[in-house]
Amino acid sequence: MMKKHLCPLLLAALFAAPALADRVVKIGFAGPLTGPLAHVGKDEEYGARLALEDANAQGHALAGEKLRFELVAEDDQADPRVATTVAQRLVDGGVVAVVGHVTSGAAIPASRIYHQAGVAVITPSATSPQLTRQNYRETFRLIANDLQQGTAMAQYAQETLQARRIAVIDDRTAYGQGLADAFADQAKARGLDVVGREFTHDKATDFTAILTKLKAPRPDAIFYGGMDAQAAPLLKQMRQLGIPARYLGGDGLCTAQTLQMAGPALDDRVFCTQAGTPMARMPGGAAFKTRFEQRFKTPVQLYAPYAYDAATALVRAVAAAGSADPDKLLAALAGVSFKGITGPVAFDGRGDVRQAGVTLYRYGGGGWQPLP
């Protein structure tokens, strides 16, 4: 005989309305996730991912729909040709905005793809002035550019290190050559003698010929424009050849990877600049460092805090626009202003961050020590 009453739990299961799915908003990330710069790319990817995880935990909604931000990461291998392919894939995949690219050589050609698609892109680390001089309304930068870094190091080399004879090497990438040019131009403007200008490439491992040539004019300092994968072995080979010159570089030298790779070649004659503020001096730096390392089980390499703030700026633009439509998001992004992990985040008319600092470091005590 059929029972008159169904179990309450079964009844609820039969008649319950289906749960509404979250609305997914895709944010792209593009950078080198394989190869010699993978540690920098993963660092930024993790920073952006943490920001979106925080946004999801806080809860965001549009028109009554709960939003879930999703990071879509692509590997551009720090290669300009791959970068354009990756940019097109992100656009075709429906991202509403992008955090990236990591290097200037990748960011500059990729920016054209985003410009044509009307998709906002914020780089946490590409420092070539050329990037924002294209005047693409879709392109934003959250860090100081090469001109600011080159000027700071040239001033320090002259006024504090009392250097008079300078040699300059670069890796012929958009980043490395741009930084080296900025330094060399500022050094000449200050009356320093550039006694040698050489170049290599971003896959090189042997710098003996270049360094042997530069040893003869006895420079007081050698500046290298490029990333740590070449900067560290170049320093080691300098010391092996008995070149006592001070070693100068930009943010590509100022990494945890350099500390591991250069080993005993590092001493108090090594200096670098980093666009931005030391993490210990950032308003949210200490807390971010702890959370980042707990979440990803790895130390912050360099620009993870800037990637975090870049992703946060995009989340805030969605909220300000009241829409995840790329065009409306882009319009709102230009007016975004907030206190980020790295400091105040707001953009000027060209897309550069309004308050961009540069910090100089000297090697000591087993790590990079910020100078006053």
Protein backbone atom coordinates (compact mmCIF):
# COMPACT_ATOMS: atom_id res chain seq x y z
CA MET A 1 0.00 0.00 0.00
CA MET A 2 1.34 3.42 -0.96
CA LYS A 3 2.41 5.68 1.90
CA LYS A 4 0.53 8.97 2.22
CA HIS A 5 3.56 11.01 3.31
CA LEU A 6 6.97 11.23 1.67
CA CYS A 7 10.11 11.74 3.72
CA PRO A 8 10.62 15.54 4.18
CA LEU A 9 14.21 15.36 2.87
CA LEU A 10 13.09 13.50 -0.27
CA LEU A 11 10.28 15.98 -0.80
CA ALA A 12 12.73 18.90 -0.53
CA ALA A 13 15.06 17.27 -3.04
CA LEU A 14 12.25 16.69 -5.52
CA PHE A 15 10.87 20.21 -5.49
CA ALA A 16 13.90 22.38 -4.71
CA ALA A 17 14.72 24.96 -7.39
CA PRO A 18 18.08 24.39 -9.10
CA ALA A 19 20.89 26.48 -7.58
CA LEU A 20 21.94 29.42 -9.73
CA ALA A 21 25.50 29.17 -11.01
CA ASP A 22 27.93 32.02 -10.35
CA ARG A 23 28.59 34.35 -13.25
CA VAL A 24 32.21 33.81 -14.28
CA VAL A 25 34.30 36.85 -15.17
CA LYS A 26 37.55 35.87 -16.87
CA ILE A 27 40.71 37.91 -16.24
CA GLY A 28 43.71 36.98 -18.38
CA PHE A 29 47.31 36.70 -17.28
CA ALA A 30 50.22 36.60 -19.73
CA GLY A 31 53.89 36.07 -18.94
CA PRO A 32 56.75 33.56 -19.15
CA LEU A 33 55.61 30.44 -17.31
CA THR A 34 58.36 28.27 -18.79
CA GLY A 35 62.00 28.96 -19.63
CA PRO A 36 64.64 31.05 -17.88
CA LEU A 37 62.20 33.76 -16.74
CA ALA A 38 59.53 31.38 -15.48
CA HIS A 39 60.27 32.32 -11.86
CA VAL A 40 59.34 35.95 -12.62
CA GLY A 41 56.26 34.97 -14.61
CA LYS A 42 54.96 32.55 -11.98
CA ASP A 43 55.59 35.16 -9.30
CA GLU A 44 53.28 37.61 -11.08
CA GLU A 45 50.73 34.93 -11.92
CA TYR A 46 50.54 33.99 -8.24
CA GLY A 47 50.12 37.64 -7.25
CA ALA A 48 47.21 38.09 -9.66
CA ARG A 49 45.67 34.76 -8.62
CA LEU A 50 45.77 35.74 -4.94
CA ALA A 51 43.99 39.01 -5.71
CA LEU A 52 41.16 37.22 -7.50
CA GLU A 53 40.89 34.65 -4.70
CA ASP A 54 40.51 37.54 -2.26
CA ALA A 55 37.90 39.19 -4.46
CA ASN A 56 35.90 35.96 -4.62
CA ALA A 57 36.11 35.54 -0.86
CA GLN A 58 34.82 39.09 -0.31
CA GLY A 59 31.94 38.53 -2.70
CA HIS A 60 30.94 40.68 -5.69
CA ALA A 61 27.66 40.85 -7.54
CA LEU A 62 26.16 42.51 -10.62
CA ALA A 63 22.41 42.89 -11.10
CA GLY A 64 21.76 40.29 -8.44
CA GLU A 65 24.20 37.79 -9.93
CA LYS A 66 27.11 36.60 -7.82
CA LEU A 67 30.41 37.05 -9.66
CA ARG A 68 33.27 34.61 -9.62
CA PHE A 69 36.55 35.95 -11.00
CA GLU A 70 38.67 33.38 -12.81
CA LEU A 71 42.30 33.79 -13.86
CA VAL A 72 43.16 32.45 -17.32
CA ALA A 73 46.97 32.15 -17.47
CA GLU A 74 48.93 31.91 -20.73
CA ASP A 75 52.66 31.35 -21.28
CA ASP A 76 54.19 33.93 -23.63
CA GLN A 77 57.73 32.58 -23.04
CA ALA A 78 58.92 36.23 -22.94
CA ASP A 79 58.94 35.95 -26.74
CA PRO A 80 57.45 38.83 -28.79
CA ARG A 81 56.02 36.49 -31.44
CA VAL A 82 54.48 34.12 -28.93
CA ALA A 83 53.11 37.10 -26.99
CA THR A 84 50.90 38.23 -29.87
CA THR A 85 49.53 34.70 -30.29
CA VAL A 86 48.83 34.49 -26.56
CA ALA A 87 47.15 37.91 -26.56
CA GLN A 88 44.85 36.88 -29.41
CA ARG A 89 44.02 33.62 -27.64
CA LEU A 90 43.05 35.48 -24.47
CA VAL A 91 40.87 37.91 -26.41
CA ASP A 92 39.22 35.10 -28.35
CA GLY A 93 38.69 33.22 -25.08
CA GLY A 94 36.52 35.98 -23.70
CA VAL A 95 38.68 37.63 -21.06
CA VAL A 96 37.39 41.04 -20.03
CA ALA A 97 40.88 42.39 -19.21
CA VAL A 98 44.47 41.18 -18.80
CA VAL A 99 47.26 41.39 -16.22
CA GLY A 100 50.57 41.30 -18.15
CA HIS A 101 52.77 41.01 -20.00
CA VAL A 102 55.84 40.62 -17.81
CA THR A 103 58.57 41.83 -20.18
CA SER A 104 58.61 44.89 -22.41
CA GLY A 105 59.60 42.81 -25.43
CA ALA A 106 56.36 40.85 -25.07
CA ALA A 107 54.14 43.67 -23.81
CA ILE A 108 54.76 46.08 -26.69
CA PRO A 109 53.67 43.85 -29.61
CA ALA A 110 50.86 42.29 -27.55
CA SER A 111 49.46 45.73 -26.73
CA ARG A 112 48.39 46.16 -30.35
CA ILE A 113 46.17 43.07 -30.09
CA TYR A 114 44.45 44.39 -26.97
CA HIS A 115 44.10 47.81 -28.59
CA GLN A 116 42.35 46.34 -31.62
CA ALA A 117 40.05 44.29 -29.37
CA GLY A 118 39.32 47.10 -26.91
CA VAL A 119 40.52 45.01 -23.95
CA ALA A 120 42.31 46.65 -21.02
CA VAL A 121 45.76 45.36 -20.07
CA ILE A 122 47.83 46.35 -17.01
CA THR A 123 51.49 45.39 -16.81
CA PRO A 124 53.00 44.96 -13.34
CA SER A 125 56.58 45.04 -14.63
CA ALA A 126 57.20 46.02 -18.28
CA THR A 127 59.23 49.21 -17.96
CA SER A 128 59.97 50.39 -21.52
CA PRO A 129 58.76 53.98 -21.99
CA GLN A 130 57.71 52.99 -25.52
CA LEU A 131 54.85 50.88 -24.15
CA THR A 132 52.67 53.77 -23.01
CA ARG A 133 54.00 56.23 -25.61
CA GLN A 134 51.94 54.35 -28.18
CA ASN A 135 48.96 56.12 -26.58
CA TYR A 136 46.72 53.06 -26.61
CA ARG A 137 43.84 53.77 -24.24
CA GLU A 138 43.80 50.08 -23.30
CA THR A 139 47.40 50.01 -21.98
CA PHE A 140 48.24 50.68 -18.32
CA ARG A 141 51.40 50.32 -16.24
CA LEU A 142 51.71 49.96 -12.48
CA ILE A 143 55.44 50.63 -12.09
CA ALA A 144 58.18 53.16 -12.88
CA ASN A 145 59.73 53.12 -16.35
CA ASP A 146 63.30 52.70 -17.57
CA LEU A 147 63.99 56.42 -17.81
CA GLN A 148 63.35 56.80 -14.10
CA GLN A 149 65.54 53.79 -13.25
CA GLY A 150 68.38 54.84 -15.56
CA THR A 151 68.37 58.35 -14.17
CA ALA A 152 68.47 57.13 -10.57
CA MET A 153 71.40 54.78 -11.17
CA ALA A 154 73.41 57.30 -13.20
CA GLN A 155 73.01 59.88 -10.45
CA TYR A 156 74.08 57.39 -7.80
CA ALA A 157 77.07 56.22 -9.85
CA GLN A 158 78.33 59.77 -10.22
CA GLU A 159 77.50 61.37 -6.89
CA THR A 160 77.91 58.50 -4.43
CA LEU A 161 80.16 55.94 -6.13
CA GLN A 162 82.31 58.68 -7.68
CA ALA A 163 82.54 56.65 -10.89
CA ARG A 164 84.05 58.42 -13.89
CA ARG A 165 84.51 55.66 -16.47
CA ILE A 166 81.50 53.50 -17.32
CA ALA A 167 81.02 50.46 -19.56
CA VAL A 168 77.54 49.38 -20.66
CA ILE A 169 76.24 45.98 -21.82
CA ASP A 170 72.71 45.05 -22.82
CA ASP A 171 70.86 41.97 -24.03
CA ARG A 172 69.20 43.67 -27.04
CA THR A 173 65.69 43.06 -25.71
CA ALA A 174 63.24 45.95 -25.52
CA TYR A 175 63.73 45.95 -21.75
CA GLY A 176 67.48 45.48 -21.56
CA GLN A 177 68.48 47.84 -24.34
CA GLY A 178 65.95 50.46 -23.26
CA LEU A 179 67.27 50.43 -19.71
CA ALA A 180 70.91 50.50 -20.83
CA ASP A 181 70.21 53.38 -23.22
CA ALA A 182 68.51 55.35 -20.45
CA PHE A 183 71.46 54.81 -18.12
CA ALA A 184 74.08 55.59 -20.78
CA ASP A 185 72.29 58.78 -21.87
CA GLN A 186 72.03 60.01 -18.30
CA ALA A 187 75.65 59.09 -17.58
CA LYS A 188 76.85 61.10 -20.60
CA ALA A 189 74.64 64.02 -19.63
CA ARG A 190 76.38 64.04 -16.25
CA GLY A 191 79.82 64.11 -17.86
CA LEU A 192 80.74 60.46 -17.27
CA ASP A 193 82.90 58.74 -19.87
CA VAL A 194 81.26 55.70 -21.49
CA VAL A 195 84.42 53.72 -22.33
CA GLY A 196 82.66 50.73 -23.88
CA ARG A 197 79.23 49.73 -25.17
CA GLU A 198 78.66 46.03 -25.89
CA PHE A 199 75.68 43.76 -26.37
CA THR A 200 74.78 40.11 -25.99
CA HIS A 201 71.43 38.27 -26.17
CA ASP A 202 68.93 36.92 -23.69
CA LYS A 203 69.96 33.27 -24.14
CA ALA A 204 73.72 33.82 -23.77
CA THR A 205 75.87 32.01 -21.20
CA ASP A 206 79.43 32.97 -22.18
CA PHE A 207 80.47 36.61 -21.86
CA THR A 208 84.24 36.14 -21.95
CA ALA A 209 84.84 37.96 -25.26
CA ILE A 210 82.78 40.99 -24.22
CA LEU A 211 84.37 41.23 -20.79
CA THR A 212 87.92 40.76 -22.10
CA LYS A 213 87.32 43.70 -24.45
CA LEU A 214 85.96 45.85 -21.63
CA LYS A 215 88.74 44.98 -19.21
CA ALA A 216 91.32 47.00 -21.17
CA PRO A 217 89.81 50.49 -20.61
CA ARG A 218 89.56 49.79 -16.86
CA PRO A 219 86.00 51.02 -16.18
CA ASP A 220 85.05 52.06 -12.66
CA ALA A 221 81.66 50.43 -13.16
CA ILE A 222 79.92 48.10 -15.62
CA PHE A 223 76.19 48.44 -16.15
CA TYR A 224 74.16 45.51 -17.46
CA GLY A 225 70.70 45.92 -18.98
CA GLY A 226 68.92 42.58 -18.94
CA MET A 227 67.49 39.86 -16.71
CA ASP A 228 69.02 37.72 -13.96
CA ALA A 229 69.52 34.66 -16.18
CA GLN A 230 72.38 36.52 -17.88
CA ALA A 231 73.17 39.12 -15.22
CA ALA A 232 74.31 36.53 -12.66
CA PRO A 233 76.72 34.52 -14.87
CA LEU A 234 78.07 37.76 -16.34
CA LEU A 235 78.99 38.92 -12.83
CA LYS A 236 80.65 35.59 -12.05
CA GLN A 237 82.73 35.78 -15.23
CA MET A 238 83.71 39.39 -14.46
CA ARG A 239 85.25 38.30 -11.18
CA GLN A 240 86.88 35.23 -12.74
CA LEU A 241 88.60 37.55 -15.21
CA GLY A 242 89.80 39.77 -12.37
CA ILE A 243 87.66 42.79 -13.26
CA PRO A 244 87.19 44.73 -9.99
CA ALA A 245 84.64 47.24 -11.35
CA ARG A 246 81.41 47.87 -9.54
CA TYR A 247 78.51 46.01 -11.11
CA LEU A 248 75.31 47.94 -11.76
CA GLY A 249 71.93 46.87 -13.11
CA GLY A 250 68.22 47.41 -13.08
CA ASP A 251 65.32 45.42 -11.65
CA GLY A 252 66.24 42.39 -13.77
CA LEU A 253 69.33 42.04 -11.58
CA CYS A 254 67.48 42.76 -8.31
CA THR A 255 65.97 39.30 -7.85
CA ALA A 256 66.11 36.33 -5.50
CA GLN A 257 67.24 34.24 -8.49
CA THR A 258 70.39 36.38 -8.85
CA LEU A 259 71.23 35.68 -5.23
CA GLN A 260 71.04 31.93 -5.90
CA MET A 261 72.86 31.98 -9.22
CA ALA A 262 75.70 34.44 -8.56
CA GLY A 263 76.76 32.99 -5.19
CA PRO A 264 80.22 34.09 -4.00
CA ALA A 265 80.57 36.59 -6.86
CA LEU A 266 78.15 38.86 -5.01
CA ASP A 267 79.73 41.44 -2.72
CA ASP A 268 79.27 45.06 -1.71
CA ARG A 269 80.35 46.24 -5.17
CA VAL A 270 77.02 45.12 -6.69
CA PHE A 271 74.16 47.62 -7.03
CA CYS A 272 70.76 47.57 -8.69
CA THR A 273 67.64 49.62 -9.07
CA GLN A 274 64.10 48.37 -8.70
CA ALA A 275 61.07 50.17 -9.97
CA GLY A 276 58.78 50.71 -7.03
CA THR A 277 59.09 50.38 -3.28
CA PRO A 278 60.79 47.63 -1.24
CA MET A 279 58.18 45.17 0.00
CA ALA A 280 59.12 45.93 3.62
CA ARG A 281 58.24 49.59 2.99
CA MET A 282 54.99 48.93 1.10
CA PRO A 283 51.83 49.77 3.08
CA GLY A 284 50.66 46.15 2.85
CA GLY A 285 53.99 44.50 2.12
CA ALA A 286 54.61 42.52 5.30
CA ALA A 287 51.13 41.01 5.42
CA PHE A 288 51.21 40.26 1.69
CA LYS A 289 54.56 38.48 1.99
CA THR A 290 53.23 36.22 4.74
CA ARG A 291 50.00 35.39 2.92
CA PHE A 292 51.74 34.83 -0.42
CA GLU A 293 54.30 32.42 1.04
CA GLN A 294 51.65 30.51 2.98
CA ARG A 295 49.46 30.16 -0.09
CA PHE A 296 52.09 29.28 -2.72
CA LYS A 297 54.93 27.83 -0.61
CA THR A 298 57.53 29.97 -2.34
CA PRO A 299 59.10 33.38 -1.64
CA VAL A 300 58.08 36.52 -3.50
CA GLN A 301 60.52 37.00 -6.36
CA LEU A 302 59.91 40.55 -7.47
CA TYR A 303 56.62 41.89 -8.81
CA ALA A 304 53.92 39.73 -7.21
CA PRO A 305 52.60 42.70 -5.14
CA TYR A 306 52.24 44.77 -8.33
CA ALA A 307 50.41 41.92 -10.07
CA TYR A 308 48.10 41.72 -7.05
CA ASP A 309 47.33 45.43 -7.30
CA ALA A 310 46.86 45.19 -11.08
CA ALA A 311 44.26 42.44 -10.70
CA THR A 312 42.61 44.35 -7.85
CA ALA A 313 42.36 47.44 -10.07
CA LEU A 314 40.49 45.37 -12.65
CA VAL A 315 38.09 44.01 -10.03
CA ARG A 316 37.44 47.55 -8.81
CA ALA A 317 36.86 48.73 -12.38
CA VAL A 318 34.18 46.06 -12.82
CA ALA A 319 32.52 47.26 -9.62
CA ALA A 320 32.77 50.94 -10.63
CA ALA A 321 31.39 50.25 -14.11
CA GLY A 322 28.61 48.07 -12.76
CA SER A 323 29.45 45.82 -15.67
CA ALA A 324 31.94 43.22 -16.87
CA ASP A 325 31.65 44.49 -20.43
CA PRO A 326 35.26 45.15 -21.59
CA ASP A 327 34.47 48.60 -22.98
CA LYS A 328 32.69 49.78 -19.82
CA LEU A 329 35.40 48.25 -17.63
CA LEU A 330 38.05 50.09 -19.66
CA ALA A 331 36.31 53.42 -19.21
CA ALA A 332 36.05 52.88 -15.45
CA LEU A 333 39.66 51.73 -15.10
CA ALA A 334 41.01 55.15 -16.08
CA GLY A 335 39.34 56.61 -12.97
CA VAL A 336 40.17 53.86 -10.49
CA SER A 337 41.94 55.09 -7.36
CA PHE A 338 42.69 53.11 -4.21
CA LYS A 339 45.35 52.29 -1.63
CA GLY A 340 46.98 49.09 -2.81
CA ILE A 341 49.56 46.72 -1.39
CA THR A 342 52.26 48.69 -3.20
CA GLY A 343 50.90 52.16 -2.42
CA PRO A 344 48.43 54.54 -4.12
CA VAL A 345 47.05 53.11 -7.38
CA ALA A 346 45.78 55.63 -9.93
CA PHE A 347 46.70 56.22 -13.57
CA ASP A 348 47.61 59.33 -15.56
CA GLY A 349 46.34 60.19 -19.02
CA ARG A 350 48.89 57.95 -20.67
CA GLY A 351 48.11 54.93 -18.51
CA ASP A 352 51.20 55.15 -16.29
CA VAL A 353 50.79 54.93 -12.53
CA ARG A 354 50.73 58.43 -11.04
CA GLN A 355 53.11 57.79 -8.14
CA ALA A 356 56.01 55.68 -9.39
CA GLY A 357 59.07 55.35 -7.20
CA VAL A 358 62.52 53.87 -7.79
CA THR A 359 64.61 52.21 -5.07
CA LEU A 360 68.35 51.54 -5.18
CA TYR A 361 69.83 48.44 -3.56
CA ARG A 362 73.27 47.22 -2.59
CA TYR A 363 74.18 43.61 -1.97
CA GLY A 364 75.01 42.86 1.66
CA GLY A 365 74.27 40.43 4.42
CA GLY A 366 73.18 37.75 1.99
CA GLY A 367 70.53 39.82 0.26
CA TRP A 368 69.52 43.09 -1.40
CA GLN A 369 69.64 45.95 1.06
CA PRO A 370 67.65 49.09 0.14
CA LEU A 371 69.67 52.28 0.22
CA PRO A 372 68.29 55.35 2.02
